[in-house]
């Protein structure tokens, strides 16, 4: 499988991103110094490349040190923290690093709920 390339898209606000997305948005709150966050980033890259999530889920990374106000608003207390949004509302929240199978199962479950 070819590696995925990250793309940057500009929104006027984070709220606009989570409110106006036509598919659920998985936000990975991370810090550059966090070892488990690096593993989480690799896992999200693999998940984003899976056919079951293509065009059904957006993956977004938020650096908690650059965007401390977002981290505070969404009560990010441990890293990594994943928050799954749909139409501006939180569907799921995971603190810590789940296994790839656990993350895939939870995402599939909540994608079914979001239909």
N, C-alpha and C. Protein backbone atom coordinates (compact mmCIF):
# COMPACT_ATOMS: atom_id res chain seq x y z
N UNK A 1 0.85 -1.18 0.00
CA UNK A 1 0.00 0.00 0.00
C UNK A 1 0.90 1.24 0.00
N UNK A 2 0.59 2.19 -0.84
CA UNK A 2 1.35 3.43 -0.92
C UNK A 2 1.13 4.27 0.33
N UNK A 3 2.16 4.95 0.82
CA UNK A 3 1.97 5.78 2.01
C UNK A 3 1.03 6.94 1.72
N UNK A 4 0.28 7.31 2.72
CA UNK A 4 -0.64 8.45 2.59
C UNK A 4 0.13 9.74 2.82
N UNK A 5 -0.27 10.75 2.15
CA UNK A 5 0.32 12.06 2.35
C UNK A 5 -0.67 12.92 3.12
N UNK A 6 -0.16 13.59 4.12
CA UNK A 6 -1.01 14.48 4.89
C UNK A 6 -1.34 15.70 4.04
N UNK A 7 -2.54 16.18 4.19
CA UNK A 7 -2.93 17.40 3.50
C UNK A 7 -3.36 18.42 4.53
N UNK A 8 -3.13 19.66 4.21
CA UNK A 8 -3.54 20.73 5.10
C UNK A 8 -4.71 21.45 4.47
N UNK A 9 -5.71 21.71 5.28
CA UNK A 9 -6.86 22.48 4.81
C UNK A 9 -7.11 23.55 5.86
N UNK A 10 -7.44 24.72 5.41
CA UNK A 10 -7.64 25.83 6.32
C UNK A 10 -9.12 26.02 6.61
N UNK A 11 -9.41 26.17 7.88
CA UNK A 11 -10.76 26.49 8.32
C UNK A 11 -10.67 27.77 9.14
N UNK A 12 -11.74 28.52 9.21
CA UNK A 12 -11.69 29.75 10.00
C UNK A 12 -11.65 29.44 11.49
N UNK A 13 -12.13 28.24 11.86
CA UNK A 13 -12.07 27.85 13.27
C UNK A 13 -12.15 26.34 13.38
N UNK A 14 -11.70 25.84 14.52
CA UNK A 14 -11.82 24.41 14.79
C UNK A 14 -13.30 24.03 14.83
N UNK A 15 -14.11 24.89 15.41
CA UNK A 15 -15.54 24.62 15.50
C UNK A 15 -16.14 24.45 14.10
N UNK A 16 -15.71 25.28 13.15
CA UNK A 16 -16.19 25.14 11.77
C UNK A 16 -15.81 23.77 11.22
N UNK A 17 -14.60 23.33 11.49
CA UNK A 17 -14.14 22.02 11.02
C UNK A 17 -15.05 20.91 11.53
N UNK A 18 -15.33 20.89 12.83
CA UNK A 18 -16.13 19.79 13.37
C UNK A 18 -17.63 19.95 13.10
N UNK A 19 -18.08 21.18 12.91
CA UNK A 19 -19.51 21.41 12.62
C UNK A 19 -19.85 21.12 11.17
N UNK A 20 -18.96 21.48 10.25
CA UNK A 20 -19.30 21.46 8.83
C UNK A 20 -18.78 20.24 8.08
N UNK A 21 -18.11 19.35 8.75
CA UNK A 21 -17.62 18.15 8.08
C UNK A 21 -18.79 17.25 7.74
N UNK A 22 -18.79 16.73 6.52
CA UNK A 22 -19.86 15.83 6.12
C UNK A 22 -19.66 14.41 6.65
N UNK A 23 -18.51 14.15 7.23
CA UNK A 23 -18.23 12.84 7.84
C UNK A 23 -17.68 13.08 9.25
N UNK A 24 -17.75 12.07 10.14
CA UNK A 24 -17.16 12.23 11.46
C UNK A 24 -15.67 12.60 11.38
N UNK A 25 -15.19 13.30 12.40
CA UNK A 25 -13.81 13.77 12.47
C UNK A 25 -13.16 13.18 13.71
N UNK A 26 -12.07 12.44 13.51
CA UNK A 26 -11.29 11.92 14.63
C UNK A 26 -10.12 12.86 14.85
N UNK A 27 -10.11 13.51 16.02
CA UNK A 27 -9.04 14.45 16.35
C UNK A 27 -8.06 13.76 17.29
N UNK A 28 -6.80 13.77 16.88
CA UNK A 28 -5.70 13.22 17.66
C UNK A 28 -4.99 14.39 18.32
N UNK A 29 -5.23 14.58 19.62
CA UNK A 29 -4.53 15.62 20.38
C UNK A 29 -3.20 15.04 20.82
N UNK A 30 -2.11 15.70 20.46
CA UNK A 30 -0.77 15.15 20.70
C UNK A 30 0.21 16.25 21.09
N UNK A 31 1.42 15.82 21.46
CA UNK A 31 2.54 16.74 21.66
C UNK A 31 3.76 16.11 20.98
N UNK A 32 4.64 16.94 20.47
CA UNK A 32 5.78 16.44 19.71
C UNK A 32 6.74 15.62 20.59
N UNK A 33 6.80 15.89 21.88
CA UNK A 33 7.71 15.19 22.79
C UNK A 33 7.14 13.87 23.31
N UNK A 34 5.89 13.56 23.00
CA UNK A 34 5.18 12.40 23.55
C UNK A 34 5.44 11.15 22.71
N UNK A 35 6.13 10.16 23.30
CA UNK A 35 6.42 8.91 22.60
C UNK A 35 5.18 8.16 22.15
N UNK A 36 4.20 7.91 23.04
CA UNK A 36 2.98 7.24 22.61
C UNK A 36 2.23 8.00 21.52
N UNK A 37 2.37 9.32 21.48
CA UNK A 37 1.70 10.12 20.45
C UNK A 37 2.27 9.79 19.07
N UNK A 38 3.56 9.52 19.01
CA UNK A 38 4.18 9.16 17.73
C UNK A 38 3.62 7.83 17.24
N UNK A 39 3.46 6.88 18.16
CA UNK A 39 2.86 5.59 17.80
C UNK A 39 1.41 5.78 17.35
N UNK A 40 0.70 6.67 18.04
CA UNK A 40 -0.70 6.95 17.68
C UNK A 40 -0.79 7.55 16.29
N UNK A 41 0.14 8.42 15.96
CA UNK A 41 0.16 9.05 14.64
C UNK A 41 0.37 8.00 13.55
N UNK A 42 1.29 7.08 13.78
CA UNK A 42 1.53 6.00 12.81
C UNK A 42 0.28 5.14 12.66
N UNK A 43 -0.37 4.82 13.79
CA UNK A 43 -1.59 4.01 13.76
C UNK A 43 -2.68 4.73 12.96
N UNK A 44 -2.87 6.02 13.21
CA UNK A 44 -3.90 6.78 12.49
C UNK A 44 -3.61 6.82 10.99
N UNK A 45 -2.34 6.90 10.64
CA UNK A 45 -1.97 6.86 9.23
C UNK A 45 -2.37 5.55 8.58
N UNK A 46 -2.14 4.45 9.29
CA UNK A 46 -2.55 3.14 8.76
C UNK A 46 -4.07 3.04 8.66
N UNK A 47 -4.77 3.51 9.70
CA UNK A 47 -6.23 3.45 9.69
C UNK A 47 -6.81 4.30 8.57
N UNK A 48 -6.24 5.48 8.35
CA UNK A 48 -6.73 6.37 7.30
C UNK A 48 -6.60 5.72 5.93
N UNK A 49 -5.64 4.82 5.78
CA UNK A 49 -5.45 4.15 4.51
C UNK A 49 -6.34 2.93 4.29
N UNK A 50 -7.10 2.55 5.30
CA UNK A 50 -7.97 1.37 5.18
C UNK A 50 -9.24 1.72 4.40
N UNK A 51 -9.64 0.84 3.49
CA UNK A 51 -10.85 1.11 2.69
C UNK A 51 -12.10 1.36 3.54
N UNK A 52 -12.19 0.74 4.70
CA UNK A 52 -13.39 0.90 5.53
C UNK A 52 -13.56 2.33 6.07
N UNK A 53 -12.47 3.12 6.06
CA UNK A 53 -12.55 4.49 6.57
C UNK A 53 -12.43 5.54 5.47
N UNK A 54 -12.06 5.14 4.27
CA UNK A 54 -11.88 6.09 3.18
C UNK A 54 -13.21 6.80 2.89
N UNK A 55 -13.17 8.10 2.89
CA UNK A 55 -14.33 8.96 2.62
C UNK A 55 -15.43 8.83 3.68
N UNK A 56 -15.16 8.14 4.79
CA UNK A 56 -16.16 8.00 5.84
C UNK A 56 -15.72 8.65 7.15
N UNK A 57 -14.46 9.09 7.19
CA UNK A 57 -13.89 9.62 8.42
C UNK A 57 -12.73 10.54 8.08
N UNK A 58 -12.65 11.69 8.77
CA UNK A 58 -11.50 12.59 8.63
C UNK A 58 -10.60 12.39 9.84
N UNK A 59 -9.30 12.37 9.59
CA UNK A 59 -8.31 12.28 10.65
C UNK A 59 -7.62 13.63 10.75
N UNK A 60 -7.60 14.22 11.95
CA UNK A 60 -7.03 15.54 12.18
C UNK A 60 -6.09 15.45 13.39
N UNK A 61 -4.94 16.10 13.29
CA UNK A 61 -3.99 16.16 14.40
C UNK A 61 -3.96 17.59 14.94
N UNK A 62 -3.99 17.70 16.27
CA UNK A 62 -3.90 19.01 16.93
C UNK A 62 -2.75 18.95 17.93
N UNK A 63 -1.76 19.80 17.74
CA UNK A 63 -0.63 19.91 18.66
C UNK A 63 -1.09 20.67 19.90
N UNK A 64 -1.11 20.00 21.03
CA UNK A 64 -1.64 20.59 22.26
C UNK A 64 -0.80 21.77 22.76
N UNK A 65 0.46 21.83 22.37
CA UNK A 65 1.28 22.95 22.81
C UNK A 65 1.06 24.19 21.95
N UNK A 66 0.76 23.99 20.68
CA UNK A 66 0.48 25.13 19.80
C UNK A 66 -0.96 25.63 19.97
N UNK A 67 -1.85 24.73 20.33
CA UNK A 67 -3.27 25.07 20.46
C UNK A 67 -3.78 24.72 21.85
N UNK A 68 -3.15 25.33 22.84
CA UNK A 68 -3.48 25.04 24.24
C UNK A 68 -4.94 25.37 24.57
N UNK A 69 -5.50 26.40 23.92
CA UNK A 69 -6.89 26.77 24.21
C UNK A 69 -7.85 25.67 23.76
N UNK A 70 -7.56 24.99 22.65
CA UNK A 70 -8.41 23.87 22.22
C UNK A 70 -8.26 22.69 23.17
N UNK A 71 -7.04 22.45 23.59
CA UNK A 71 -6.79 21.35 24.53
C UNK A 71 -7.56 21.57 25.82
N UNK A 72 -7.56 22.80 26.28
CA UNK A 72 -8.27 23.14 27.51
C UNK A 72 -9.78 23.02 27.31
N UNK A 73 -10.28 23.54 26.20
CA UNK A 73 -11.72 23.50 25.92
C UNK A 73 -12.23 22.07 25.89
N UNK A 74 -11.45 21.16 25.30
CA UNK A 74 -11.89 19.77 25.16
C UNK A 74 -11.34 18.87 26.28
N UNK A 75 -10.80 19.52 27.33
CA UNK A 75 -10.36 18.83 28.55
C UNK A 75 -9.37 17.70 28.27
N UNK A 76 -8.36 18.03 27.47
CA UNK A 76 -7.29 17.07 27.20
C UNK A 76 -6.34 17.10 28.38
N UNK A 77 -6.32 16.02 29.13
CA UNK A 77 -5.49 15.95 30.34
C UNK A 77 -4.36 14.94 30.21
N UNK A 78 -4.49 14.00 29.30
CA UNK A 78 -3.44 13.01 29.06
C UNK A 78 -3.20 12.88 27.57
N UNK A 79 -2.04 12.38 27.23
CA UNK A 79 -1.69 12.24 25.81
C UNK A 79 -1.32 10.80 25.49
N UNK A 80 -1.67 10.34 24.32
CA UNK A 80 -2.55 11.01 23.36
C UNK A 80 -4.00 10.95 23.81
N UNK A 81 -4.79 11.87 23.32
CA UNK A 81 -6.24 11.85 23.52
C UNK A 81 -6.89 11.95 22.15
N UNK A 82 -7.84 11.08 21.91
CA UNK A 82 -8.59 11.07 20.65
C UNK A 82 -10.03 11.47 20.96
N UNK A 83 -10.57 12.38 20.16
CA UNK A 83 -11.97 12.76 20.31
C UNK A 83 -12.62 12.62 18.93
N UNK A 84 -13.70 11.86 18.90
CA UNK A 84 -14.43 11.63 17.65
C UNK A 84 -15.66 12.54 17.66
N UNK A 85 -15.72 13.44 16.68
CA UNK A 85 -16.82 14.39 16.56
C UNK A 85 -17.69 14.04 15.36
N UNK A 86 -18.98 14.33 15.50
CA UNK A 86 -19.89 14.26 14.35
C UNK A 86 -20.91 15.37 14.50
N UNK A 87 -20.98 16.21 13.48
CA UNK A 87 -21.89 17.37 13.49
C UNK A 87 -21.72 18.22 14.75
N UNK A 88 -20.45 18.40 15.13
CA UNK A 88 -20.14 19.28 16.25
C UNK A 88 -20.27 18.66 17.62
N UNK A 89 -20.71 17.42 17.70
CA UNK A 89 -20.89 16.76 19.00
C UNK A 89 -19.88 15.64 19.17
N UNK A 90 -19.52 15.38 20.43
CA UNK A 90 -18.57 14.31 20.73
C UNK A 90 -19.30 12.96 20.69
N UNK A 91 -18.79 12.06 19.86
CA UNK A 91 -19.33 10.69 19.81
C UNK A 91 -18.55 9.76 20.74
N UNK A 92 -17.24 9.97 20.82
CA UNK A 92 -16.39 9.09 21.61
C UNK A 92 -15.14 9.85 22.01
N UNK A 93 -14.50 9.35 23.06
CA UNK A 93 -13.27 9.94 23.58
C UNK A 93 -12.40 8.81 24.10
N UNK A 94 -11.14 8.83 23.70
CA UNK A 94 -10.19 7.81 24.15
C UNK A 94 -8.96 8.53 24.68
N UNK A 95 -8.59 8.24 25.91
CA UNK A 95 -7.36 8.79 26.48
C UNK A 95 -6.36 7.66 26.58
N UNK A 96 -5.16 7.91 26.10
CA UNK A 96 -4.14 6.88 26.08
C UNK A 96 -4.07 6.24 24.71
N UNK A 97 -3.22 5.22 24.59
CA UNK A 97 -2.97 4.60 23.30
C UNK A 97 -3.63 3.23 23.23
N UNK A 98 -4.76 3.13 22.51
CA UNK A 98 -5.40 1.82 22.35
C UNK A 98 -4.62 1.01 21.31
N UNK A 99 -4.89 -0.28 21.27
CA UNK A 99 -4.30 -1.08 20.19
C UNK A 99 -4.99 -0.67 18.89
N UNK A 100 -4.37 -0.99 17.78
CA UNK A 100 -4.96 -0.66 16.49
C UNK A 100 -6.30 -1.37 16.31
N UNK A 101 -6.39 -2.62 16.76
CA UNK A 101 -7.65 -3.37 16.65
C UNK A 101 -8.75 -2.72 17.49
N UNK A 102 -8.40 -2.27 18.71
CA UNK A 102 -9.39 -1.60 19.56
C UNK A 102 -9.88 -0.31 18.91
N UNK A 103 -8.95 0.45 18.36
CA UNK A 103 -9.33 1.72 17.72
C UNK A 103 -10.20 1.45 16.49
N UNK A 104 -9.83 0.49 15.69
CA UNK A 104 -10.62 0.16 14.49
C UNK A 104 -12.03 -0.27 14.87
N UNK A 105 -12.14 -1.12 15.90
CA UNK A 105 -13.46 -1.58 16.34
C UNK A 105 -14.32 -0.42 16.84
N UNK A 106 -13.73 0.48 17.63
CA UNK A 106 -14.50 1.61 18.16
C UNK A 106 -14.93 2.55 17.05
N UNK A 107 -14.03 2.81 16.12
CA UNK A 107 -14.38 3.69 15.00
C UNK A 107 -15.50 3.09 14.17
N UNK A 108 -15.41 1.80 13.88
CA UNK A 108 -16.47 1.14 13.11
C UNK A 108 -17.81 1.20 13.85
N UNK A 109 -17.78 0.98 15.16
CA UNK A 109 -19.00 1.04 15.95
C UNK A 109 -19.63 2.43 15.86
N UNK A 110 -18.84 3.46 16.07
CA UNK A 110 -19.38 4.82 16.08
C UNK A 110 -19.74 5.31 14.69
N UNK A 111 -19.07 4.82 13.67
CA UNK A 111 -19.47 5.19 12.30
C UNK A 111 -20.85 4.63 11.98
N UNK A 112 -21.15 3.46 12.50
CA UNK A 112 -22.49 2.89 12.32
C UNK A 112 -23.54 3.76 13.03
N UNK A 113 -23.20 4.27 14.20
CA UNK A 113 -24.11 5.12 14.97
C UNK A 113 -24.34 6.47 14.30
N UNK A 114 -23.33 6.93 13.56
CA UNK A 114 -23.38 8.28 12.96
C UNK A 114 -24.19 8.33 11.67
N UNK A 115 -24.63 7.20 11.18
CA UNK A 115 -25.37 7.19 9.90
C UNK A 115 -26.74 7.80 10.05
